[in-house]
Protein backbone atom coordinates (compact mmCIF):
# COMPACT_ATOMS: atom_id res chain seq x y z
CA UNK A 1 -18.00 53.04 57.16
CA UNK A 2 -15.59 54.37 59.83
CA UNK A 3 -13.32 56.20 57.36
CA UNK A 4 -16.20 58.27 55.83
CA UNK A 5 -16.00 60.89 58.63
CA UNK A 6 -12.32 61.28 57.77
CA UNK A 7 -13.18 62.17 54.17
CA UNK A 8 -15.83 64.59 55.39
CA UNK A 9 -13.30 66.31 57.62
CA UNK A 10 -10.84 66.45 54.73
CA UNK A 11 -13.27 68.21 52.40
CA UNK A 12 -14.31 70.54 55.22
CA UNK A 13 -10.71 71.76 55.56
CA UNK A 14 -10.71 72.82 51.90
CA UNK A 15 -13.29 75.55 52.70
CA UNK A 16 -11.70 76.78 55.95
CA UNK A 17 -9.55 79.90 56.35
CA UNK A 18 -5.82 79.42 56.77
CA UNK A 19 -5.96 80.58 60.43
CA UNK A 20 -8.75 78.13 61.26
CA UNK A 21 -6.88 75.38 59.41
CA UNK A 22 -3.71 75.94 61.42
CA UNK A 23 -5.59 76.01 64.74
CA UNK A 24 -7.57 72.88 63.77
CA UNK A 25 -4.37 71.09 62.83
CA UNK A 26 -2.75 72.17 66.13
CA UNK A 27 -5.73 70.87 68.13
CA UNK A 28 -5.68 67.53 66.32
CA UNK A 29 -1.94 67.03 66.84
CA UNK A 30 -2.27 67.87 70.54
CA UNK A 31 -4.96 65.17 70.86
CA UNK A 32 -2.74 62.70 69.00
CA UNK A 33 0.12 63.47 71.38
CA UNK A 34 -2.16 62.71 74.34
CA UNK A 35 -3.27 59.48 72.64
CA UNK A 36 0.33 58.37 72.11
CA UNK A 37 1.15 58.98 75.76
CA UNK A 38 -1.87 57.06 77.07
CA UNK A 39 -2.14 54.17 74.54
CA UNK A 40 0.98 52.25 73.54
CA UNK A 41 -0.61 50.33 70.67
CA UNK A 42 -3.85 51.92 69.39
CA UNK A 43 -6.31 49.51 67.83
CA UNK A 44 -6.97 50.08 64.15
CA UNK A 45 -9.81 48.47 62.24
CA UNK A 46 -9.35 47.00 58.76
CA UNK A 47 -11.28 49.96 57.40
CA UNK A 48 -8.75 52.33 59.01
CA UNK A 49 -5.92 50.46 57.33
CA UNK A 50 -7.73 50.62 54.00
CA UNK A 51 -8.15 54.39 54.41
CA UNK A 52 -4.41 54.96 54.87
CA UNK A 53 -3.53 52.57 52.04
CA UNK A 54 -5.81 54.47 49.63
CA UNK A 55 -4.56 57.82 50.90
CA UNK A 56 -0.94 56.77 50.40
CA UNK A 57 -1.74 55.96 46.75
CA UNK A 58 -3.35 59.36 46.05
CA UNK A 59 -1.46 61.92 48.24
CA UNK A 60 2.30 62.20 48.03
CA UNK A 61 2.68 64.02 51.39
CA UNK A 62 0.75 61.46 53.44
CA UNK A 63 3.85 60.57 55.48
CA UNK A 64 3.93 64.02 57.11
CA UNK A 65 0.47 63.46 58.62
CA UNK A 66 1.09 59.89 59.79
CA UNK A 67 1.30 59.82 63.59
CA UNK A 68 -0.33 56.69 65.02
CA UNK A 69 1.83 54.19 63.10
CA UNK A 70 5.01 54.31 61.08
CA UNK A 71 4.86 54.84 57.31
CA UNK A 72 6.55 51.45 56.83
CA UNK A 73 3.53 49.86 58.49
CA UNK A 74 1.21 51.34 55.88
CA UNK A 75 3.45 49.95 53.13
CA UNK A 76 3.29 46.51 54.80
CA UNK A 77 -0.51 46.74 54.93
CA UNK A 78 -0.54 47.43 51.21
CA UNK A 79 1.63 44.39 50.45
CA UNK A 80 -0.57 42.18 52.62
CA UNK A 81 -3.67 43.36 50.78
CA UNK A 82 -1.89 42.67 47.48
CA UNK A 83 -1.12 39.08 48.54
CA UNK A 84 -4.68 38.48 49.74
CA UNK A 85 -6.06 39.85 46.48
CA UNK A 86 -3.99 37.58 44.25
CA UNK A 87 -4.46 34.58 46.52
CA UNK A 88 -8.22 34.80 46.21
CA UNK A 89 -7.97 35.39 42.49
CA UNK A 90 -5.70 32.38 41.93
CA UNK A 91 -8.00 30.14 43.98
CA UNK A 92 -10.88 30.70 41.61
CA UNK A 93 -9.48 28.02 39.28
CA UNK A 94 -8.82 24.64 40.89
CA UNK A 95 -5.53 23.08 39.87
CA UNK A 96 -3.53 20.00 40.81
CA UNK A 97 -4.72 16.49 41.57
CA UNK A 98 -8.25 16.05 42.88
CA UNK A 99 -8.48 14.91 46.49
CA UNK A 100 -9.24 11.22 46.99
CA UNK A 101 -12.24 10.11 48.99
CA UNK A 102 -11.89 9.75 52.78
CA UNK A 103 -12.96 6.11 52.58
CA UNK A 104 -10.00 5.37 50.27
CA UNK A 105 -7.62 7.09 52.71
CA UNK A 106 -8.96 4.98 55.57
CA UNK A 107 -8.64 1.84 53.43
CA UNK A 108 -4.99 2.66 52.58
CA UNK A 109 -4.14 3.20 56.23
CA UNK A 110 -5.96 0.03 57.24
CA UNK A 111 -4.02 -2.04 54.70
CA UNK A 112 -0.75 -0.47 55.86
CA UNK A 113 -1.50 -1.30 59.50
CA UNK A 114 -2.67 -4.85 58.88
CA UNK A 115 0.12 -5.72 56.42
CA UNK A 116 3.40 -4.19 57.61
CA UNK A 117 5.43 -5.93 54.90
CA UNK A 118 3.39 -4.52 51.99
CA UNK A 119 4.76 -1.70 49.89
CA UNK A 120 3.08 1.04 47.87
CA UNK A 121 2.73 -1.09 44.74
CA UNK A 122 1.14 -3.97 46.67
CA UNK A 123 -1.48 -1.75 48.28
CA UNK A 124 -2.08 0.11 45.02
CA UNK A 125 -2.70 -3.22 43.28
CA UNK A 126 -5.21 -4.26 45.94
CA UNK A 127 -7.00 -0.94 45.56
CA UNK A 128 -7.13 -1.39 41.80
CA UNK A 129 -8.77 -4.79 42.23
CA UNK A 130 -11.33 -3.12 44.49
CA UNK A 131 -12.16 -0.56 41.81
CA UNK A 132 -10.09 2.38 43.11
CA UNK A 133 -7.62 4.04 40.75
CA UNK A 134 -4.97 5.65 42.98
CA UNK A 135 -1.38 6.56 42.11
CA UNK A 136 1.54 4.88 43.90
CA UNK A 137 2.79 8.24 45.20
CA UNK A 138 -0.59 8.96 46.76
CA UNK A 139 -0.60 5.60 48.49
CA UNK A 140 2.90 6.26 49.82
CA UNK A 141 1.87 9.68 51.10
CA UNK A 142 -0.83 8.25 53.36
CA UNK A 143 1.23 5.18 54.33
CA UNK A 144 4.04 7.33 55.75
CA UNK A 145 1.65 8.95 58.22
CA UNK A 146 1.12 5.72 60.18
CA UNK A 147 4.10 3.50 59.34
CA UNK A 148 7.63 3.78 60.78
CA UNK A 149 10.62 4.07 58.38
CA UNK A 150 11.43 0.34 58.73
CA UNK A 151 8.12 -1.54 59.03
CA UNK A 152 8.07 -4.87 60.79
CA UNK A 153 5.50 -7.28 62.10
CA UNK A 154 4.44 -6.61 65.67
CA UNK A 155 5.09 -8.98 68.53
CA UNK A 156 1.48 -10.18 68.54
CA UNK A 157 1.77 -11.34 64.93
CA UNK A 158 5.14 -12.94 65.64
CA UNK A 159 3.74 -14.90 68.58
CA UNK A 160 0.63 -15.97 66.69
CA UNK A 161 2.77 -17.37 63.88
CA UNK A 162 4.57 -19.57 66.42
CA UNK A 163 1.55 -20.65 68.47
CA UNK A 164 0.97 -23.98 66.64
CA UNK A 165 4.59 -24.94 67.38
CA UNK A 166 4.52 -24.06 71.09
CA UNK A 167 3.23 -25.82 74.18
CA UNK A 168 3.53 -25.12 77.90
CA UNK A 169 3.49 -27.19 81.06
CA UNK A 170 3.20 -26.51 84.76
CA UNK A 171 2.22 -28.00 88.13
CA UNK A 172 -0.45 -26.92 90.57
CA UNK A 173 -1.32 -28.32 94.00
CA UNK A 174 -4.73 -29.16 95.46
CA UNK A 175 -5.32 -30.43 99.04
CA UNK A 176 -7.72 -33.31 99.64
CA UNK A 177 -10.28 -33.69 102.42
CA UNK A 178 -7.63 -35.39 104.57
CA UNK A 179 -5.11 -32.60 103.81
CA UNK A 180 -3.01 -34.71 101.47
CA UNK A 181 -1.41 -32.72 98.67
CA UNK A 182 -2.16 -33.74 95.08
CA UNK A 183 0.23 -32.53 92.38
CA UNK A 184 -1.46 -32.06 89.01
CA UNK A 185 0.70 -31.74 85.88
CA UNK A 186 -0.95 -29.92 82.96
CA UNK A 187 0.25 -29.66 79.35
CA UNK A 188 -1.35 -26.93 77.24
CA UNK A 189 -1.14 -26.27 73.51
CA UNK A 190 -0.74 -22.58 72.70
CA UNK A 191 -2.49 -22.88 69.36
CA UNK A 192 -6.08 -23.15 70.63
CA UNK A 193 -5.41 -23.01 74.41
CA UNK A 194 -6.31 -26.71 74.48
CA UNK A 195 -5.41 -28.93 77.43
CA UNK A 196 -3.72 -31.86 75.67
CA UNK A 197 -2.82 -33.85 78.79
CA UNK A 198 -3.01 -33.92 82.57
CA UNK A 199 -2.19 -36.37 85.32
CA UNK A 200 -2.10 -36.32 89.09
CA UNK A 201 0.15 -37.90 91.72
CA UNK A 202 1.04 -37.50 95.37
CA UNK A 203 4.80 -37.80 94.86
CA UNK A 204 6.01 -36.43 91.50
CA UNK A 205 9.45 -37.37 90.25
CA UNK A 206 11.66 -36.47 87.29
CA UNK A 207 10.91 -39.77 85.56
CA UNK A 208 7.16 -39.44 86.14
CA UNK A 209 7.15 -35.89 84.75
CA UNK A 210 9.15 -36.88 81.67
CA UNK A 211 6.73 -39.74 81.02
CA UNK A 212 3.79 -37.31 81.11
CA UNK A 213 5.35 -35.26 78.30
CA UNK A 214 5.81 -38.41 76.21
CA UNK A 215 2.19 -39.46 76.78
CA UNK A 216 0.89 -35.97 76.04
CA UNK A 217 2.39 -35.71 72.57
CA UNK A 218 2.46 -39.31 71.39
CA UNK A 219 -1.22 -39.81 72.22
CA UNK A 220 -2.20 -36.63 70.39
CA UNK A 221 0.22 -37.10 67.48
CA UNK A 222 1.31 -33.52 68.05
CA UNK A 223 4.93 -32.83 68.91
CA UNK A 224 5.58 -29.10 69.35
CA UNK A 225 8.79 -27.35 68.45
CA UNK A 226 9.04 -25.45 71.73
CA UNK A 227 8.02 -26.24 75.30
CA UNK A 228 7.68 -23.39 77.81
CA UNK A 229 8.32 -24.23 81.46
CA UNK A 230 9.55 -22.66 84.68
CA UNK A 231 12.70 -23.43 86.68
CA UNK A 232 11.15 -26.01 89.00
CA UNK A 233 13.68 -28.60 90.19
CA UNK A 234 11.36 -31.39 89.05
CA UNK A 235 12.57 -30.78 85.48
CA UNK A 236 15.91 -32.54 86.00
CA UNK A 237 18.50 -34.02 83.65
CA UNK A 238 16.37 -37.06 82.81
CA UNK A 239 13.45 -34.80 81.86
CA UNK A 240 15.62 -32.54 79.71
CA UNK A 241 17.20 -35.50 77.94
CA UNK A 242 13.81 -37.09 77.20
CA UNK A 243 12.41 -33.83 75.83
CA UNK A 244 15.50 -33.25 73.68
CA UNK A 245 15.24 -36.75 72.19
CA UNK A 246 11.68 -35.89 71.11
CA UNK A 247 13.04 -32.93 69.11
CA UNK A 248 11.55 -30.34 71.46
CA UNK A 249 13.46 -27.22 72.49
CA UNK A 250 12.84 -26.00 76.02
CA UNK A 251 12.05 -22.33 76.68
CA UNK A 252 12.83 -21.73 80.35
CA UNK A 253 11.31 -18.67 82.00
CA UNK A 254 13.22 -16.32 84.27
CA UNK A 255 13.19 -16.72 88.02
CA UNK A 256 10.03 -15.51 89.75
CA UNK A 257 8.48 -14.55 86.40
CA UNK A 258 5.20 -16.46 86.01
CA UNK A 259 4.04 -13.87 83.46
CA UNK A 260 6.52 -15.40 80.99
CA UNK A 261 4.37 -18.55 80.94
CA UNK A 262 1.00 -16.78 80.75
CA UNK A 263 -1.15 -19.42 79.04
CA UNK A 264 -0.31 -22.15 81.54
CA UNK A 265 -0.84 -19.74 84.45
CA UNK A 266 -4.19 -18.64 83.05
CA UNK A 267 -5.50 -22.16 82.52
CA UNK A 268 -4.45 -23.20 86.04
CA UNK A 269 -6.22 -20.13 87.37
CA UNK A 270 -9.35 -21.10 85.44
CA UNK A 271 -9.21 -24.63 86.82
CA UNK A 272 -9.03 -23.30 90.37
CA UNK A 273 -11.71 -20.61 90.02
CA UNK A 274 -14.19 -22.62 87.99
CA UNK A 275 -13.74 -26.06 89.54
CA UNK A 276 -11.75 -26.70 92.71
CA UNK A 277 -12.70 -23.45 94.43
CA UNK A 278 -16.25 -24.89 94.51
CA UNK A 279 -15.61 -28.49 95.59
CA UNK A 280 -13.33 -30.55 97.83
CA UNK A 281 -11.25 -33.36 96.38
CA UNK A 282 -12.10 -36.40 98.50
CA UNK A 283 -9.31 -38.54 97.11
CA UNK A 284 -6.94 -38.87 94.19
CA UNK A 285 -9.53 -40.77 92.17
CA UNK A 286 -12.17 -38.17 92.91
CA UNK A 287 -9.81 -35.39 91.84
CA UNK A 288 -8.95 -37.21 88.60
CA UNK A 289 -12.63 -37.79 87.81
CA UNK A 290 -13.52 -34.12 88.39
CA UNK A 291 -10.51 -33.01 86.39
CA UNK A 292 -11.53 -35.20 83.43
CA UNK A 293 -14.99 -33.65 83.43
CA UNK A 294 -13.60 -30.14 83.61
CA UNK A 295 -11.08 -30.76 80.80
CA UNK A 296 -13.89 -32.11 78.63
CA UNK A 297 -15.94 -29.01 79.38
CA UNK A 298 -12.94 -26.67 78.95
CA UNK A 299 -11.85 -28.04 75.57
CA UNK A 300 -15.24 -28.62 74.02
CA UNK A 301 -17.59 -26.00 75.49
CA UNK A 302 -15.92 -23.15 77.38
CA UNK A 303 -15.56 -20.04 75.25
CA UNK A 304 -12.48 -17.78 75.15
CA UNK A 305 -12.32 -14.13 74.13
CA UNK A 306 -8.92 -14.71 72.47
CA UNK A 307 -10.44 -17.47 70.31
CA UNK A 308 -13.10 -15.17 68.82
CA UNK A 309 -15.44 -16.23 71.65
CA UNK A 310 -15.32 -19.90 70.73
CA UNK A 311 -14.04 -23.03 72.46
CA UNK A 312 -10.58 -24.62 71.98
CA UNK A 313 -12.32 -27.33 69.97
CA UNK A 314 -14.35 -24.94 67.84
CA UNK A 315 -18.11 -25.13 68.10
CA UNK A 316 -20.24 -24.54 65.02
CA UNK A 317 -22.72 -21.67 65.12
CA UNK A 318 -26.21 -23.13 65.29
CA UNK A 319 -28.89 -21.23 63.34
CA UNK A 320 -32.03 -20.12 65.11
CA UNK A 321 -34.07 -22.50 62.99
CA UNK A 322 -32.09 -25.51 64.27
CA UNK A 323 -34.44 -26.05 67.18
CA UNK A 324 -34.95 -25.39 70.86
CA UNK A 325 -32.10 -24.40 73.16
CA UNK A 326 -31.23 -27.08 75.70
CA UNK A 327 -28.75 -27.02 78.61
CA UNK A 328 -26.14 -29.76 79.05
CA UNK A 329 -24.79 -29.84 82.63
CA UNK A 330 -21.10 -30.33 83.40
CA UNK A 331 -19.56 -31.11 86.78
CA UNK A 332 -22.99 -32.00 88.21
CA UNK A 333 -24.45 -28.67 87.11
CA UNK A 334 -21.57 -26.41 88.18
CA UNK A 335 -21.33 -25.34 84.52
CA UNK A 336 -23.66 -25.75 81.58
CA UNK A 337 -23.30 -25.97 77.83
CA UNK A 338 -26.10 -24.67 75.60
CA UNK A 339 -26.95 -26.19 72.26
CA UNK A 340 -29.91 -26.42 69.91
CA UNK A 341 -31.77 -29.67 69.56
CA UNK A 342 -34.42 -30.42 66.97
């Protein structure tokens, strides 16, 4: 060890003459003075610190020979060693509550995220029914790490709770082969993104638009609580009065803010990209016929990521043993639906 040569030098001084001892001490101090001038903070190993701690406990005049560091530093080293000693000794016996399994911690945090209105007792009860015995205080400790002081449902949950009560409507325009403009009115249910009604005309009016809303919800026996629309002038006083008499509250978007009516904008975009970007409407009847086919395909076959990759009118999962996969064409083969047939 590095401090062994120091002990050897110490015992060697016991056999030296006094003159040699004085000269040796003078030479060592001169070297220490040079070291202090050249090195501001000399590096000491843990073994060097241990040497001075042991020497301070056995030699009362050790302070007179201390040059590299201050005597208070040696005392601090001794206190640090004392704390390390007792810390290791106290850790030999495990005390306190045992740590819970990581899978239980993840389960607590998952329940807290998915159920913002649940408290500690509610989550602790669920854990107990799953076979985990965890204290309420432990549940609260891990809940506080991911939950704000005043938990609330997020906006996504709020909107999903109101989807069955909400519908949206909007117009889009398609030119015919002879450059006539056809105005198509679409009504969409937010619940399953289902197109509940559409109609087309070359000259829309307030009365015509109001009648489309009546036909949309009386034919489907579904009257929503809210109807989202933009600020188009076609929605005049007659339209607003007819909608109000049906018990529907209008939600009007801000000016130049189509993102506030996202579902209607998305379905119109799908109609354009998947249908009328690939064909030309020859006439109003041709447009209506193509639109009927696309709505049938959209509601009954087209899958949506937001609907767990299913269609607005949910399709049952066919087992592999149900038979061979067949393709059902839609829009003259522009799109296909795949099912199993025995």
